[in-house]
Structures are given as structure tokens and as C-alpha cells.
Amino acid sequence: MAAKPLFGRGLRLLSVITAITLLTGFALVFFYAPLDADQGVIQKIFYVHVPLAIVSLCGFVAGGLMAIQQLRTRDRAWDMRSYVAIHLSIVFGVAVLITGSLWAKRSWGHWWVWDEPVLVSYLIVFLLYCCYQPLRFSISDPDRQSRYASVFAIAAGAFVPINFVAVRLAVQHVHPRVLSETGGHLPGKMMLAFYVTLLGVALLFATLWKLELTSKNASEQLRRLRRSFEETPPGELPAEAPEPVGVG
């Protein structure tokens, strides 16, 4: 029987599309979109900071939706998809906080503003999800681990849109609302660069999500093959290894 491929279907094409989209977005940011009249070149960080924030929050919610599928089907593949989505969203969240702090220092003279609800609310969401990994890996039993992690992902994922709505209703102090009041006044060239960059960051998230799943599937299949060889008596052919967790 032919060996099954250990790579994600369509991953190479997705990677190429992601690279082209990101390069196009950055070209628009630096060579097409005009400079901000007040902030100058430092405003360019907006095209990275805001897409990272949007994609990371969407990734948290997606992790919760995948966790619902895991509880409904008891399929460990959905648990792995949820875990990778949340893991990547935390990584993107670190980038959001770093780029936001750099932007704040240059624009406001402070690394952080504690009376700004947008900033503080995102930090709360980020710290909430930082508890996900310790909770998950403190449980050794695989079934209990996936079940508890899924419940946490669902509860935390439901908190994200609630938190978002609460912040939008709060009194704004400093941070701009890019996609509503302020975003509506952005020049067309800035808006085009922003949306292309947002698409590129979303594709980057999808590419990394699929890549990490593919890597974990390959590692899992190799472990099962090794275990099958170790458990096979001398002189006998090993049975075919069980199917790895699917990427889908």
C-alpha cells in the first residue's frame, strides 16, 4: 500500500497566496498609502497592529467553535484544531501588545494607558487565554484534557464578543475606533492598504494553523508507527498504524 502523504493538502498553494498578499499589502502600506498628517511614519504600524488584533480575537472565537465540535463529536481532531487556533492567537496577541506599546510610546509618550478600555479589555482577554495552556497540560489523561480544555475554550470564546460589545459601548478616551468612526474617515488609499494587509494577516494565520496541524499529524503518525514496530514480536510484520488525527 502506498504511503500516505505527511503534509497538508493545499498547504503549498496557501503559502504562496499568503506571501503574495502580504507583500502586496506591505507595498501598499509603504509606497501607496499616504503618511498620516499628525503621526507621520509611525502611523504605518497601524497596518500591522490592528489586523493582528482582529485576527487574534477571531482565532480565539474560532477555537471556541472548534471546541464545541469536539464536545459534540468526541473527535480528537477538533480538539487539536482548537488547541492550535488558540495557541497561534496567543502568539499573535503577544505581537499585538508589542506593536501597540511601540505605537503608544511614540504617539502618546507612554507605553501603556490604563484608563483606555480598548487596551485594557484586550489585555484581559489575552491574560485569560494565557491560562489555557497551563490548564490543558496540567491534565495527563487525554480524554479529560480535551474535554476540560474544550469547556474552557468555549467559555473564554463566548467572553470575547461580549467584551468587544461592552468596550464599544464604553466612553472612549484615546484609542481610535478604526472600523467605525475613525475608520470611516480614512482616505481610500489607506483603507485599501489596511484591508489588503488584514487579508494577508488572516491568510498568515490560516497558513500557520494548517502548518502546525500538519507537523503534529506527522509527529503523531511517526510515534504510532514506532510503537507498532516496538510491540511487534520478532519475525512478524507490524500491523498498519492507526490513522493520525486529520487536518481537514
Protein backbone atom coordinates (compact mmCIF):
# COMPACT_ATOMS: atom_id res chain seq x y z
CA MET A 1 0.00 0.00 0.00
CA ALA A 2 1.34 3.45 -0.91
CA ALA A 3 2.42 5.64 1.96
CA LYS A 4 0.02 8.41 2.79
CA PRO A 5 1.38 11.94 2.48
CA LEU A 6 2.52 13.60 5.69
CA PHE A 7 1.77 17.14 4.54
CA GLY A 8 -1.37 19.25 4.48
CA ARG A 9 -3.35 19.26 1.31
CA GLY A 10 -3.10 22.65 -0.40
CA LEU A 11 -0.57 23.99 2.10
CA ARG A 12 1.96 24.99 -0.57
CA LEU A 13 -0.62 26.92 -2.60
CA LEU A 14 -1.94 28.61 0.53
CA SER A 15 1.60 29.62 1.50
CA VAL A 16 2.23 31.19 -1.91
CA ILE A 17 -1.05 33.13 -1.80
CA THR A 18 -0.26 34.31 1.72
CA ALA A 19 3.21 35.54 0.75
CA ILE A 20 1.88 37.39 -2.31
CA THR A 21 -0.92 39.02 -0.32
CA LEU A 22 1.38 40.14 2.48
CA LEU A 23 3.97 41.53 0.07
CA THR A 24 1.22 43.38 -1.80
CA GLY A 25 -0.14 44.76 1.46
CA PHE A 26 3.24 45.99 2.66
CA ALA A 27 3.95 47.54 -0.74
CA LEU A 28 0.66 49.43 -0.49
CA VAL A 29 1.45 50.49 3.08
CA PHE A 30 4.89 51.92 2.34
CA PHE A 31 4.61 53.08 -1.26
CA TYR A 32 0.91 53.79 -1.88
CA ALA A 33 -0.86 54.85 1.33
CA PRO A 34 -0.13 58.47 2.30
CA LEU A 35 1.53 59.48 5.56
CA ASP A 36 -0.71 60.45 8.42
CA ALA A 37 -0.77 64.23 8.85
CA ASP A 38 -0.42 64.07 12.66
CA GLN A 39 1.65 60.95 13.42
CA GLY A 40 3.79 60.67 10.33
CA VAL A 41 5.56 57.41 9.51
CA ILE A 42 4.91 55.84 12.93
CA GLN A 43 1.25 55.52 11.91
CA LYS A 44 2.33 52.77 9.50
CA ILE A 45 2.39 50.38 12.45
CA PHE A 46 -1.40 50.68 12.44
CA TYR A 47 -1.50 48.43 9.35
CA VAL A 48 0.12 45.61 11.33
CA HIS A 49 -1.17 46.22 14.85
CA VAL A 50 -4.88 46.37 14.07
CA PRO A 51 -5.02 43.34 11.70
CA LEU A 52 -3.09 41.29 14.26
CA ALA A 53 -5.61 42.27 16.95
CA ILE A 54 -8.63 41.45 14.76
CA VAL A 55 -7.24 38.09 13.60
CA SER A 56 -6.16 37.05 17.09
CA LEU A 57 -9.63 37.75 18.51
CA CYS A 58 -11.25 35.86 15.64
CA GLY A 59 -8.82 33.00 16.30
CA PHE A 60 -9.93 32.82 19.94
CA VAL A 61 -13.57 32.65 18.86
CA ALA A 62 -12.76 30.04 16.21
CA GLY A 63 -11.04 27.95 18.87
CA GLY A 64 -14.23 28.02 20.92
CA LEU A 65 -16.36 26.96 17.94
CA MET A 66 -14.00 24.06 17.21
CA ALA A 67 -14.19 23.08 20.89
CA ILE A 68 -17.99 22.86 20.56
CA GLN A 69 -17.47 20.41 17.70
CA GLN A 70 -15.09 18.39 19.86
CA LEU A 71 -17.64 18.05 22.66
CA ARG A 72 -20.37 17.22 20.18
CA THR A 73 -18.46 14.57 18.21
CA ARG A 74 -15.79 13.46 20.73
CA ASP A 75 -13.35 13.66 17.83
CA ARG A 76 -9.82 14.49 19.00
CA ALA A 77 -9.12 16.11 15.65
CA TRP A 78 -11.38 19.03 16.62
CA ASP A 79 -9.60 19.32 19.95
CA MET A 80 -6.25 19.62 18.15
CA ARG A 81 -7.67 22.21 15.73
CA SER A 82 -9.00 24.23 18.66
CA TYR A 83 -5.70 24.00 20.54
CA VAL A 84 -3.63 25.17 17.57
CA ALA A 85 -6.01 28.07 16.85
CA ILE A 86 -5.79 29.30 20.45
CA HIS A 87 -2.04 28.75 20.57
CA LEU A 88 -1.49 30.85 17.45
CA SER A 89 -3.88 33.53 18.69
CA ILE A 90 -1.81 33.88 21.85
CA VAL A 91 1.33 34.30 19.71
CA PHE A 92 -0.44 36.92 17.61
CA GLY A 93 -1.61 38.55 20.85
CA VAL A 94 1.98 38.99 22.00
CA ALA A 95 2.70 40.77 18.70
CA VAL A 96 -0.39 42.95 19.23
CA LEU A 97 0.80 44.08 22.66
CA ILE A 98 4.34 44.76 21.42
CA THR A 99 3.30 46.75 18.36
CA GLY A 100 0.64 48.58 20.36
CA SER A 101 3.15 49.59 23.01
CA LEU A 102 5.59 50.87 20.39
CA TRP A 103 2.82 52.89 18.74
CA ALA A 104 1.60 54.24 22.09
CA LYS A 105 5.08 55.32 23.19
CA ARG A 106 5.67 57.25 20.00
CA SER A 107 2.17 58.76 19.75
CA TRP A 108 1.19 59.34 23.40
CA GLY A 109 4.55 59.33 25.19
CA HIS A 110 3.53 56.29 27.31
CA TRP A 111 3.99 52.57 26.77
CA TRP A 112 0.53 51.89 28.21
CA VAL A 113 -2.61 53.83 29.16
CA TRP A 114 -4.60 52.11 31.89
CA ASP A 115 -7.73 54.26 31.57
CA GLU A 116 -8.29 53.23 27.93
CA PRO A 117 -10.96 50.47 27.74
CA VAL A 118 -9.82 49.09 24.37
CA LEU A 119 -6.30 48.41 25.59
CA VAL A 120 -7.26 47.04 28.99
CA SER A 121 -10.01 44.81 27.59
CA TYR A 122 -7.65 43.23 25.08
CA LEU A 123 -5.10 42.63 27.83
CA ILE A 124 -7.79 40.92 29.93
CA VAL A 125 -8.71 38.62 27.04
CA PHE A 126 -5.05 37.85 26.38
CA LEU A 127 -4.32 37.02 30.03
CA LEU A 128 -7.46 34.89 30.19
CA TYR A 129 -6.23 32.74 27.33
CA CYS A 130 -2.76 32.54 28.84
CA CYS A 131 -4.41 30.28 31.44
CA TYR A 132 -5.44 27.84 28.70
CA GLN A 133 -2.06 26.18 28.23
CA PRO A 134 -1.32 25.55 31.95
CA LEU A 135 -4.85 24.18 32.43
CA ARG A 136 -4.55 21.88 29.43
CA PHE A 137 -1.16 20.41 30.22
CA SER A 138 -1.86 20.01 33.93
CA ILE A 139 -4.18 17.12 32.97
CA SER A 140 -2.46 13.91 31.88
CA ASP A 141 -5.49 11.88 30.78
CA PRO A 142 -6.09 12.66 27.06
CA ASP A 143 -9.89 12.44 27.24
CA ARG A 144 -10.19 14.63 30.31
CA GLN A 145 -7.61 17.01 28.89
CA SER A 146 -9.54 17.56 25.66
CA ARG A 147 -12.87 17.82 27.50
CA TYR A 148 -11.71 20.37 30.08
CA ALA A 149 -9.77 22.36 27.50
CA SER A 150 -12.83 22.48 25.26
CA VAL A 151 -15.06 23.75 28.05
CA PHE A 152 -12.52 26.48 28.83
CA ALA A 153 -12.19 27.41 25.14
CA ILE A 154 -15.97 27.71 24.78
CA ALA A 155 -16.40 29.84 27.90
CA ALA A 156 -13.49 32.11 27.03
CA GLY A 157 -14.56 32.31 23.38
CA ALA A 158 -18.03 33.48 24.42
CA PHE A 159 -16.40 36.19 26.55
CA VAL A 160 -14.60 37.74 23.55
CA PRO A 161 -17.66 39.16 21.68
CA ILE A 162 -19.30 40.17 24.97
CA ASN A 163 -16.17 42.05 25.91
CA PHE A 164 -15.97 43.62 22.45
CA VAL A 165 -19.55 44.94 22.62
CA ALA A 166 -19.00 46.28 26.15
CA VAL A 167 -15.92 48.18 25.03
CA ARG A 168 -17.71 49.65 22.01
CA LEU A 169 -20.40 50.98 24.34
CA ALA A 170 -17.87 52.43 26.78
CA VAL A 171 -16.68 56.01 26.70
CA GLN A 172 -13.60 56.22 24.51
CA HIS A 173 -10.60 58.20 25.74
CA VAL A 174 -7.61 57.77 23.47
CA HIS A 175 -7.60 54.66 21.30
CA PRO A 176 -9.15 55.13 17.83
CA ARG A 177 -12.07 53.01 16.66
CA VAL A 178 -10.60 52.09 13.33
CA LEU A 179 -13.54 50.39 11.66
CA SER A 180 -16.30 52.73 12.79
CA GLU A 181 -15.97 56.44 13.39
CA THR A 182 -12.27 56.94 12.63
CA GLY A 183 -12.12 54.15 10.03
CA GLY A 184 -14.93 55.72 8.08
CA HIS A 185 -12.83 58.87 7.63
CA LEU A 186 -9.70 57.09 6.40
CA PRO A 187 -8.68 58.04 2.86
CA GLY A 188 -9.37 55.43 0.22
CA LYS A 189 -5.68 54.62 -0.25
CA MET A 190 -5.24 53.98 3.46
CA MET A 191 -8.35 51.85 3.60
CA LEU A 192 -7.21 49.73 0.64
CA ALA A 193 -3.80 49.14 2.23
CA PHE A 194 -5.47 48.26 5.52
CA TYR A 195 -7.85 45.69 4.05
CA VAL A 196 -5.16 44.01 1.94
CA THR A 197 -2.90 43.77 4.97
CA LEU A 198 -5.78 42.43 7.06
CA LEU A 199 -6.39 39.74 4.44
CA GLY A 200 -2.68 38.91 4.43
CA VAL A 201 -2.54 38.54 8.21
CA ALA A 202 -5.67 36.35 8.16
CA LEU A 203 -4.08 34.15 5.48
CA LEU A 204 -0.88 34.00 7.53
CA PHE A 205 -2.88 32.75 10.49
CA ALA A 206 -4.57 30.10 8.35
CA THR A 207 -1.24 29.02 6.86
CA LEU A 208 0.47 28.70 10.24
CA TRP A 209 -2.59 26.88 11.63
CA LYS A 210 -2.51 24.34 8.82
CA LEU A 211 1.28 24.02 9.00
CA GLU A 212 1.28 23.31 12.73
CA LEU A 213 -1.53 20.79 12.38
CA THR A 214 0.37 19.07 9.58
CA SER A 215 3.52 18.91 11.70
CA LYS A 216 1.64 17.49 14.68
CA ASN A 217 -0.09 14.91 12.47
CA ALA A 218 3.24 13.78 11.03
CA SER A 219 4.78 13.50 14.50
CA GLU A 220 1.77 11.55 15.76
CA GLN A 221 1.91 9.12 12.85
CA LEU A 222 5.64 8.54 13.37
CA ARG A 223 5.07 7.86 17.08
CA ARG A 224 2.35 5.33 16.27
CA LEU A 225 4.50 3.61 13.66
CA ARG A 226 7.40 3.38 16.13
CA ARG A 227 5.10 1.99 18.81
CA SER A 228 3.73 -0.55 16.35
CA PHE A 229 7.25 -1.74 15.49
CA GLU A 230 8.22 -1.98 19.17
CA GLU A 231 5.14 -4.03 20.03
CA THR A 232 5.55 -6.45 17.10
CA PRO A 233 7.14 -9.81 18.03
CA PRO A 234 10.43 -10.61 16.25
CA GLY A 235 9.94 -12.19 12.84
CA GLU A 236 6.45 -10.73 12.27
CA LEU A 237 5.42 -7.82 10.14
CA PRO A 238 3.96 -4.88 12.09
CA ALA A 239 0.29 -4.10 11.67
CA GLU A 240 -0.59 -0.90 9.88
CA ALA A 241 -0.52 2.05 12.21
CA PRO A 242 -3.84 3.73 13.13
CA GLU A 243 -4.89 6.81 11.26
CA PRO A 244 -3.39 10.06 12.58
CA VAL A 245 -5.51 12.99 13.62
CA GLY A 246 -6.80 14.60 10.43
CA VAL A 247 -6.05 18.15 9.36
CA GLY A 248 -9.18 18.67 7.31
